[in-house]
Amino acid sequence: MNIDEKNRSTKSYVRFRTMFDYVMGAFYVAMGLLMLFADKLGLRDAMGIKVEKPWLMALGILLVAYGLFRIYRGVRHVF
């Protein structure tokens, strides 16, 4: 493998990893927001979620934080 092929494959991997971080970060943020606003959206009753509200809030905060970290990691690779 010559240097041009290696650079091309490295660039494509970095591009893929960056897009993957964006998509997964957005997914985690969306799931976290669903957890945080499950009561207001009526999801706890409709889906039969048996988890208490403090646990949903804690999980929602963790998911949003991790999603923002994934998005930050994707931005960091671009710049």
C-alpha atoms as a PDB file:
ATOM      1  CA  MET A   1       0.000   0.000   0.000  1.00  0.00           C
ATOM      2  CA  ASN A   2       1.520   3.286  -1.037  1.00  0.00           C
ATOM      3  CA  ILE A   3       1.190   6.566   0.839  1.00  0.00           C
ATOM      4  CA  ASP A   4      -1.609   7.968  -1.372  1.00  0.00           C
ATOM      5  CA  GLU A   5      -3.813   4.918  -0.776  1.00  0.00           C
ATOM      6  CA  LYS A   6      -3.147   5.058   2.953  1.00  0.00           C
ATOM      7  CA  ASN A   7      -4.001   8.767   3.119  1.00  0.00           C
ATOM      8  CA  ARG A   8      -7.205   8.167   1.159  1.00  0.00           C
ATOM      9  CA  SER A   9      -8.299   5.339   3.424  1.00  0.00           C
ATOM     10  CA  THR A  10      -7.425   7.333   6.542  1.00  0.00           C
ATOM     11  CA  LYS A  11      -9.406  10.343   5.309  1.00  0.00           C
ATOM     12  CA  SER A  12     -12.420   8.226   4.496  1.00  0.00           C
ATOM     13  CA  TYR A  13     -12.268   6.566   7.931  1.00  0.00           C
ATOM     14  CA  VAL A  14     -12.072   9.945   9.681  1.00  0.00           C
ATOM     15  CA  ARG A  15     -15.008  11.215   7.596  1.00  0.00           C
ATOM     16  CA  PHE A  16     -17.045   8.102   8.410  1.00  0.00           C
ATOM     17  CA  ARG A  17     -16.187   8.318  12.112  1.00  0.00           C
ATOM     18  CA  THR A  18     -17.130  12.006  12.219  1.00  0.00           C
ATOM     19  CA  MET A  19     -20.513  11.405  10.583  1.00  0.00           C
ATOM     20  CA  PHE A  20     -21.116   8.420  12.840  1.00  0.00           C
ATOM     21  CA  ASP A  21     -20.417  10.583  15.900  1.00  0.00           C
ATOM     22  CA  TYR A  22     -22.884  13.213  14.657  1.00  0.00           C
ATOM     23  CA  VAL A  23     -25.655  10.706  13.992  1.00  0.00           C
ATOM     24  CA  MET A  24     -25.184   8.761  17.217  1.00  0.00           C
ATOM     25  CA  GLY A  25     -24.875  11.984  19.205  1.00  0.00           C
ATOM     26  CA  ALA A  26     -28.148  13.261  17.789  1.00  0.00           C
ATOM     27  CA  PHE A  27     -29.767   9.893  18.560  1.00  0.00           C
ATOM     28  CA  TYR A  28     -28.585   9.961  22.196  1.00  0.00           C
ATOM     29  CA  VAL A  29     -29.716  13.573  22.646  1.00  0.00           C
ATOM     30  CA  ALA A  30     -33.136  12.745  21.185  1.00  0.00           C
ATOM     31  CA  MET A  31     -33.551   9.693  23.423  1.00  0.00           C
ATOM     32  CA  GLY A  32     -32.447  11.717  26.449  1.00  0.00           C
ATOM     33  CA  LEU A  33     -34.968  14.432  25.667  1.00  0.00           C
ATOM     34  CA  LEU A  34     -37.680  11.804  25.306  1.00  0.00           C
ATOM     35  CA  MET A  35     -36.765  10.496  28.760  1.00  0.00           C
ATOM     36  CA  LEU A  36     -36.738  13.980  30.264  1.00  0.00           C
ATOM     37  CA  PHE A  37     -40.110  14.958  28.799  1.00  0.00           C
ATOM     38  CA  ALA A  38     -41.827  11.550  28.945  1.00  0.00           C
ATOM     39  CA  ASP A  39     -44.423  12.807  31.436  1.00  0.00           C
ATOM     40  CA  LYS A  40     -45.283  15.938  29.463  1.00  0.00           C
ATOM     41  CA  LEU A  41     -45.556  13.995  26.213  1.00  0.00           C
ATOM     42  CA  GLY A  42     -47.676  11.303  27.830  1.00  0.00           C
ATOM     43  CA  LEU A  43     -45.208   8.541  26.997  1.00  0.00           C
ATOM     44  CA  ARG A  44     -45.122   6.969  30.438  1.00  0.00           C
ATOM     45  CA  ASP A  45     -48.826   6.160  30.354  1.00  0.00           C
ATOM     46  CA  ALA A  46     -49.006   5.291  26.667  1.00  0.00           C
ATOM     47  CA  MET A  47     -46.007   2.954  26.715  1.00  0.00           C
ATOM     48  CA  GLY A  48     -46.574   1.585  30.193  1.00  0.00           C
ATOM     49  CA  ILE A  49     -43.182   2.678  31.484  1.00  0.00           C
ATOM     50  CA  LYS A  50     -42.890   1.527  35.085  1.00  0.00           C
ATOM     51  CA  VAL A  51     -39.758   3.516  35.939  1.00  0.00           C
ATOM     52  CA  GLU A  52     -40.029   6.245  38.551  1.00  0.00           C
ATOM     53  CA  LYS A  53     -39.544   9.855  37.504  1.00  0.00           C
ATOM     54  CA  PRO A  54     -36.160  10.470  39.232  1.00  0.00           C
ATOM     55  CA  TRP A  55     -34.649   7.511  37.370  1.00  0.00           C
ATOM     56  CA  LEU A  56     -36.026   8.751  34.059  1.00  0.00           C
ATOM     57  CA  MET A  57     -34.598  12.207  34.751  1.00  0.00           C
ATOM     58  CA  ALA A  58     -31.176  10.800  35.646  1.00  0.00           C
ATOM     59  CA  LEU A  59     -31.100   8.598  32.557  1.00  0.00           C
ATOM     60  CA  GLY A  60     -32.272  11.463  30.372  1.00  0.00           C
ATOM     61  CA  ILE A  61     -29.543  13.774  31.675  1.00  0.00           C
ATOM     62  CA  LEU A  62     -26.893  11.107  31.135  1.00  0.00           C
ATOM     63  CA  LEU A  63     -28.083  10.414  27.596  1.00  0.00           C
ATOM     64  CA  VAL A  64     -28.136  14.103  26.678  1.00  0.00           C
ATOM     65  CA  ALA A  65     -24.661  14.632  28.167  1.00  0.00           C
ATOM     66  CA  TYR A  66     -23.231  11.632  26.325  1.00  0.00           C
ATOM     67  CA  GLY A  67     -24.903  12.715  23.088  1.00  0.00           C
ATOM     68  CA  LEU A  68     -23.393  16.190  23.383  1.00  0.00           C
ATOM     69  CA  PHE A  69     -20.005  14.591  24.031  1.00  0.00           C
ATOM     70  CA  ARG A  70     -20.352  12.475  20.858  1.00  0.00           C
ATOM     71  CA  ILE A  71     -21.267  15.561  18.822  1.00  0.00           C
ATOM     72  CA  TYR A  72     -18.314  17.461  20.339  1.00  0.00           C
ATOM     73  CA  ARG A  73     -16.007  14.581  19.425  1.00  0.00           C
ATOM     74  CA  GLY A  74     -17.257  14.726  15.848  1.00  0.00           C
ATOM     75  CA  VAL A  75     -16.708  18.484  15.675  1.00  0.00           C
ATOM     76  CA  ARG A  76     -13.242  18.100  17.141  1.00  0.00           C
ATOM     77  CA  HIS A  77     -12.229  15.776  14.264  1.00  0.00           C
ATOM     78  CA  VAL A  78     -13.404  18.272  11.659  1.00  0.00           C
ATOM     79  CA  PHE A  79     -11.421  21.226  12.996  1.00  0.00           C
END
